[in-house]
Protein backbone atom coordinates (compact mmCIF):
# COMPACT_ATOMS: atom_id res chain seq x y z
CA MET A 1 21.16 9.42 -1.18
CA ILE A 2 18.48 8.77 1.21
CA ARG A 3 16.63 12.08 0.68
CA VAL A 4 15.60 10.94 -2.88
CA PHE A 5 13.75 7.49 -0.86
CA PRO A 6 10.16 8.97 -0.78
CA LEU A 7 10.00 10.04 -4.09
CA VAL A 8 11.37 6.88 -5.43
CA PHE A 9 8.68 5.06 -2.78
CA VAL A 10 5.92 7.66 -4.44
CA ILE A 11 6.76 6.27 -7.93
CA LEU A 12 7.02 2.68 -7.13
CA TRP A 13 4.15 2.55 -5.21
CA SER A 14 1.74 4.22 -7.73
CA SER A 15 2.99 2.29 -10.46
CA ALA A 16 1.74 -0.89 -8.28
CA PHE A 17 -1.99 0.27 -8.53
CA VAL A 18 -1.53 0.35 -12.37
CA THR A 19 0.17 -3.15 -12.69
CA THR A 20 -2.88 -4.35 -10.65
CA LYS A 21 -5.31 -4.13 -13.33
CA PRO A 22 -3.21 -6.62 -16.07
CA ILE A 23 -2.71 -9.04 -13.55
CA ILE A 24 -6.18 -9.20 -12.28
CA ASP A 25 -7.22 -9.31 -15.63
CA ASN A 26 -5.52 -12.93 -16.15
CA SER A 27 -6.24 -14.10 -12.29
CA ASP A 28 -7.77 -14.40 -9.21
CA PRO A 29 -6.69 -11.56 -6.92
CA PHE A 30 -6.14 -13.91 -4.29
CA ALA A 31 -4.08 -16.28 -6.05
CA ALA A 32 -2.31 -13.68 -7.87
CA LEU A 33 -1.22 -12.33 -4.32
CA ALA A 34 -0.64 -15.87 -3.12
CA PHE A 35 2.07 -16.46 -6.08
CA ARG A 36 3.84 -13.02 -5.62
CA PHE A 37 4.26 -13.51 -2.03
CA PHE A 38 5.43 -16.51 -2.43
CA PHE A 39 8.33 -15.51 -4.31
CA VAL A 40 8.82 -12.67 -2.46
CA THR A 41 9.43 -14.52 0.58
CA LEU A 42 11.68 -17.05 -1.10
CA GLY A 43 13.34 -14.14 -2.28
CA PHE A 44 14.28 -12.33 0.79
CA PHE A 45 15.51 -15.46 2.52
CA ILE A 46 17.66 -16.53 -0.21
CA PHE A 47 19.40 -12.36 0.30
CA SER A 48 19.07 -12.90 4.14
CA ILE A 49 21.21 -16.05 3.76
CA CYS A 50 23.54 -14.73 1.85
CA THR A 51 24.10 -11.60 3.58
CA LYS A 52 24.58 -13.87 6.97
CA GLN A 53 21.53 -12.32 8.52
CA LYS A 54 20.11 -14.40 11.75
CA ILE A 55 16.96 -15.91 10.03
CA LEU A 56 15.76 -17.98 13.29
CA ILE A 57 14.42 -15.11 15.44
CA ASN A 58 12.31 -15.04 18.99
CA ASN A 59 8.39 -16.01 18.81
CA LYS A 60 7.78 -12.17 19.91
CA SER A 61 9.37 -11.17 16.91
CA LEU A 62 8.05 -13.90 14.76
CA PHE A 63 4.56 -12.85 15.62
CA GLN A 64 4.66 -9.15 15.20
CA SER A 65 6.57 -9.51 11.86
CA ILE A 66 3.72 -12.33 10.24
CA PHE A 67 1.03 -10.16 11.79
CA SER A 68 2.01 -6.98 10.02
CA GLY A 69 2.48 -8.95 7.12
CA VAL A 70 -1.21 -10.08 7.60
CA LEU A 71 -2.07 -6.33 7.79
CA PHE A 72 0.04 -5.22 4.90
CA HIS A 73 0.61 -7.62 2.58
CA GLY A 74 -2.82 -9.77 3.02
CA ILE A 75 -5.66 -7.52 4.13
CA TYR A 76 -4.51 -4.27 2.57
CA LEU A 77 -3.51 -5.66 -0.93
CA GLY A 78 -6.22 -7.79 -0.60
CA GLY A 79 -8.67 -5.16 -0.50
CA VAL A 80 -7.10 -3.17 -3.02
CA PHE A 81 -6.80 -6.26 -5.57
CA TYR A 82 -10.58 -7.23 -4.58
CA SER A 83 -11.61 -3.82 -5.51
CA VAL A 84 -10.09 -3.51 -8.78
CA SER A 85 -11.08 -7.18 -9.88
CA ILE A 86 -15.06 -5.57 -9.44
CA GLY A 87 -14.69 -2.53 -11.27
CA MET A 88 -12.86 0.21 -9.22
CA PRO A 89 -10.97 2.54 -10.78
CA THR A 90 -7.44 1.92 -9.86
CA GLY A 91 -6.70 5.97 -9.71
CA ILE A 92 -10.04 6.11 -7.25
CA ALA A 93 -8.45 2.90 -5.21
CA ALA A 94 -5.36 4.51 -4.54
CA LEU A 95 -7.20 7.60 -3.27
CA ILE A 96 -9.19 5.90 -1.23
CA VAL A 97 -6.53 3.97 0.68
CA THR A 98 -3.94 6.72 0.91
CA LEU A 99 -6.52 8.67 3.09
CA GLN A 100 -4.25 6.73 5.57
CA PRO A 101 -2.24 10.23 6.62
CA ILE A 102 -5.71 11.50 8.06
CA LEU A 103 -6.06 8.42 10.36
CA THR A 104 -2.57 7.86 11.19
CA ASN A 105 -2.21 11.58 12.35
CA ALA A 106 -5.29 11.27 14.29
CA LEU A 107 -4.07 7.90 16.10
CA ALA A 108 -0.28 8.45 16.26
CA GLY A 109 -0.63 10.97 19.04
CA LYS A 110 -2.45 8.58 20.96
CA PHE A 111 -0.73 5.33 20.38
CA LEU A 112 3.16 6.39 19.51
CA ASP A 113 3.05 9.63 21.44
CA GLU A 114 4.22 11.76 18.43
CA LYS A 115 3.39 15.44 18.59
CA VAL A 116 0.85 16.38 15.71
CA THR A 117 1.22 19.94 14.41
CA PHE A 118 -1.23 22.15 13.27
CA LYS A 119 0.78 22.43 10.04
CA GLN A 120 0.19 18.75 9.40
CA TRP A 121 -3.41 18.53 10.27
CA VAL A 122 -4.11 21.55 7.77
CA GLY A 123 -2.53 19.09 5.25
CA VAL A 124 -4.50 16.39 6.01
CA ILE A 125 -7.50 18.07 6.37
CA LEU A 126 -6.77 19.48 2.61
CA GLY A 127 -6.08 15.58 1.54
CA PHE A 128 -9.85 14.70 2.96
CA ILE A 129 -11.17 17.37 1.43
CA GLY A 130 -9.67 16.36 -2.16
CA ALA A 131 -10.17 12.70 -1.96
CA ALA A 132 -14.04 13.83 -0.99
CA LEU A 133 -13.89 15.92 -4.34
CA VAL A 134 -12.95 12.55 -6.50
CA LEU A 135 -15.23 10.03 -4.84
CA GLY A 136 -18.16 12.94 -5.45
CA PHE A 137 -21.57 11.08 -5.65
CA ASP A 138 -20.02 8.26 -8.29
CA ILE A 139 -20.78 5.49 -5.25
CA GLY A 140 -23.32 3.21 -6.31
CA SER A 141 -23.72 4.47 -9.68
CA SER A 142 -19.77 4.51 -11.61
CA LEU A 143 -18.49 2.92 -8.34
CA PRO A 144 -19.20 -0.39 -6.96
CA ILE A 145 -20.72 0.00 -3.46
CA PHE A 146 -18.30 -3.66 -2.60
CA GLY A 147 -15.33 -2.19 -4.19
CA VAL A 148 -15.69 1.18 -2.53
CA ILE A 149 -15.98 -1.18 1.21
CA ALA A 150 -13.12 -3.18 0.51
CA SER A 151 -11.18 -0.03 -0.61
CA PHE A 152 -11.78 1.43 2.97
CA VAL A 153 -10.81 -1.93 4.78
CA ALA A 154 -7.28 -1.92 2.91
CA LEU A 155 -7.13 1.76 4.14
CA LEU A 156 -7.63 0.68 8.04
CA ALA A 157 -5.51 -2.03 7.42
CA ILE A 158 -2.49 -0.16 6.19
CA THR A 159 -3.45 2.35 9.05
CA ILE A 160 -3.34 -0.23 12.01
CA SER A 161 0.02 -1.55 10.06
CA THR A 162 1.93 1.75 9.72
CA LEU A 163 1.16 2.04 13.28
CA TRP A 164 1.96 -1.35 14.89
CA GLN A 165 5.22 -1.72 12.42
CA LYS A 166 6.46 1.67 14.37
CA LYS A 167 5.43 0.49 17.76
CA ILE A 168 7.21 -2.88 17.84
CA SER A 169 10.65 -1.48 16.53
CA ASN A 170 11.63 -4.97 16.94
CA ASN A 171 15.31 -4.31 15.39
CA LEU A 172 15.31 -7.19 13.39
CA PRO A 173 17.05 -6.92 10.00
CA LEU A 174 14.89 -5.40 7.07
CA SER A 175 15.32 -8.48 4.88
CA VAL A 176 14.20 -11.02 7.76
CA SER A 177 11.35 -8.79 9.01
CA ASN A 178 10.25 -8.43 5.47
CA MET A 179 10.65 -12.28 4.74
CA TYR A 180 8.35 -12.67 7.51
CA GLN A 181 6.12 -10.47 6.72
CA ALA A 182 5.67 -11.77 3.04
CA MET A 183 5.62 -15.13 4.46
CA GLY A 184 2.39 -13.85 6.46
CA GLY A 185 0.80 -12.45 3.16
CA CYS A 186 0.97 -15.47 1.35
CA PHE A 187 -0.27 -17.73 4.22
CA PHE A 188 -3.18 -15.37 4.82
CA HIS A 189 -4.05 -15.52 0.62
CA ILE A 190 -4.05 -18.93 1.03
CA ILE A 191 -6.28 -19.20 3.43
CA ILE A 192 -9.06 -17.09 1.53
CA ILE A 193 -8.12 -19.13 -1.11
CA PHE A 194 -9.31 -22.11 0.45
CA ILE A 195 -12.79 -20.62 1.92
CA PHE A 196 -13.59 -18.03 -0.47
CA SER A 197 -12.50 -18.33 -4.17
CA GLU A 198 -11.58 -20.52 -7.38
CA PRO A 199 -8.26 -19.83 -7.97
CA TYR A 200 -6.64 -19.64 -11.67
CA ILE A 201 -3.85 -17.80 -13.07
CA ASN A 202 -3.39 -17.49 -16.68
CA PHE A 203 0.28 -16.97 -17.22
CA THR A 204 0.32 -14.61 -20.04
CA SER A 205 3.31 -12.56 -21.08
CA THR A 206 0.96 -9.58 -19.55
CA PHE A 207 0.70 -11.27 -16.33
CA LEU A 208 4.31 -12.20 -16.04
CA ILE A 209 5.54 -8.84 -16.71
CA ALA A 210 3.15 -7.18 -14.49
CA ILE A 211 3.90 -9.89 -11.52
CA SER A 212 7.26 -9.30 -11.89
CA HIS A 213 7.11 -5.65 -11.83
CA GLN A 214 5.10 -6.15 -8.19
CA ILE A 215 7.69 -8.75 -7.02
CA PHE A 216 11.22 -6.80 -7.83
CA LEU A 217 10.44 -3.41 -7.98
CA VAL A 218 7.21 -3.20 -5.33
CA SER A 219 7.64 -6.10 -2.82
CA PHE A 220 11.33 -5.79 -2.54
CA GLY A 221 11.90 -2.11 -3.55
CA ALA A 222 9.07 -0.07 -2.46
CA PHE A 223 7.92 -2.06 0.41
CA THR A 224 11.78 -1.77 1.86
CA ILE A 225 11.68 2.02 1.45
CA LEU A 226 8.42 2.02 3.17
CA MET A 227 9.59 0.06 6.34
CA PHE A 228 13.25 2.08 6.15
CA LEU A 229 11.07 5.32 6.26
CA ILE A 230 8.91 4.43 8.98
CA LYS A 231 11.59 3.22 11.31
CA ASN A 232 13.71 6.20 10.48
CA ASN A 233 11.02 8.86 10.60
CA SER A 234 7.69 9.43 12.56
CA ALA A 235 4.45 7.69 11.90
CA SER A 236 2.85 10.89 10.86
CA LYS A 237 5.42 12.08 8.64
CA THR A 238 6.49 9.33 6.63
CA VAL A 239 2.77 8.32 5.38
CA SER A 240 2.12 11.96 4.19
CA ILE A 241 3.74 11.31 1.27
CA PHE A 242 0.96 9.14 0.26
CA PHE A 243 -1.04 12.03 -0.76
CA LEU A 244 1.41 12.31 -3.45
CA ILE A 245 0.23 8.83 -4.88
CA PRO A 246 -3.45 9.35 -5.87
CA PRO A 247 -2.36 11.91 -8.65
CA ILE A 248 0.40 10.14 -10.03
CA THR A 249 -1.63 6.70 -10.02
CA ALA A 250 -4.47 8.83 -11.92
CA ILE A 251 -1.68 10.00 -14.64
CA MET A 252 -0.31 6.31 -15.08
CA ALA A 253 -3.55 5.19 -15.53
CA TRP A 254 -4.54 7.88 -18.00
CA LEU A 255 -1.74 6.72 -19.83
CA PHE A 256 -1.22 3.10 -19.86
CA LEU A 257 -5.07 1.81 -18.88
CA ASN A 258 -7.19 4.73 -20.48
CA GLU A 259 -9.03 6.10 -17.24
CA LYS A 260 -10.91 9.30 -17.53
CA LEU A 261 -10.24 11.83 -14.90
CA ASN A 262 -12.89 14.68 -15.11
CA ASN A 263 -12.60 18.33 -13.74
CA SER A 264 -13.61 17.56 -10.29
CA ASP A 265 -10.88 14.50 -10.20
CA LEU A 266 -8.45 16.89 -11.30
CA ILE A 267 -9.23 19.75 -8.71
CA GLY A 268 -9.52 17.26 -6.08
CA PHE A 269 -5.98 15.63 -6.87
CA ALA A 270 -4.53 18.95 -6.95
CA VAL A 271 -6.07 20.02 -3.43
CA ALA A 272 -4.33 16.80 -2.17
CA THR A 273 -0.99 17.17 -3.33
CA LEU A 274 -1.30 20.76 -1.73
CA GLY A 275 -2.27 18.93 1.32
CA VAL A 276 0.88 16.78 1.55
CA TYR A 277 2.94 19.61 0.71
CA ILE A 278 1.63 21.54 3.78
CA ALA A 279 2.00 18.70 5.82
CA THR A 280 5.48 17.85 4.99
CA ARG A 281 7.08 20.94 4.04
CA LYS A 282 9.73 22.10 7.01
CA GLN A 283 9.20 25.40 8.79
């Protein structure tokens, strides 16, 4: 069962980019994220109580979990949602943030004392080349500059959060850790709302279906799998599967959102997929 976790994670995580578009079409991105993580926090709280997990934790573990949540659910998802809300195609936003293995592999050796093999470096370099082929010269013309910037901020946030989550290893139950991380994300977006945005949500059937998908399948499902994989594998190996997300997201966006792909995009996605295969296959 555990062996299928990476595949399930990739499919669920990719689908989240596709359901982001109908969400931000009916709401302010930060209001939607605050709404989402309020219910995610509540869900993990109820689950933790029902499974008799210890909710009260020490201050150090509390800070670590909330800070991780601010990075993962706050800055990372906030950057993705904002970029899509101002016109970034979901497939390309997914490609930028899933350059994460390049940064993680570069930093894992220094901060986590993990050995990054030559094979892994070849894989992430191919992933970077694939990303460059997709981005091409579209920045500033068909791609909004601030959308690209927000996506790269999200990339930095998820990279730091992955390394941080692997570094702390506080041994909290996943449900308790996820609850406080969701709480941190919720508080972050509430603060952003008060300072920068005018929140609104149109509770259409489309919004409710899309936000339910992200709450139950992504936050409860995919994110829990990701935390499990980070805890039980090396950080560099875990994040290599992220290179599979852009091509799957692009296919989903083509099917459900009518986003177009040109030949260089298809070649770039293929090169990135080859990179993840090389980086993760066994000797």
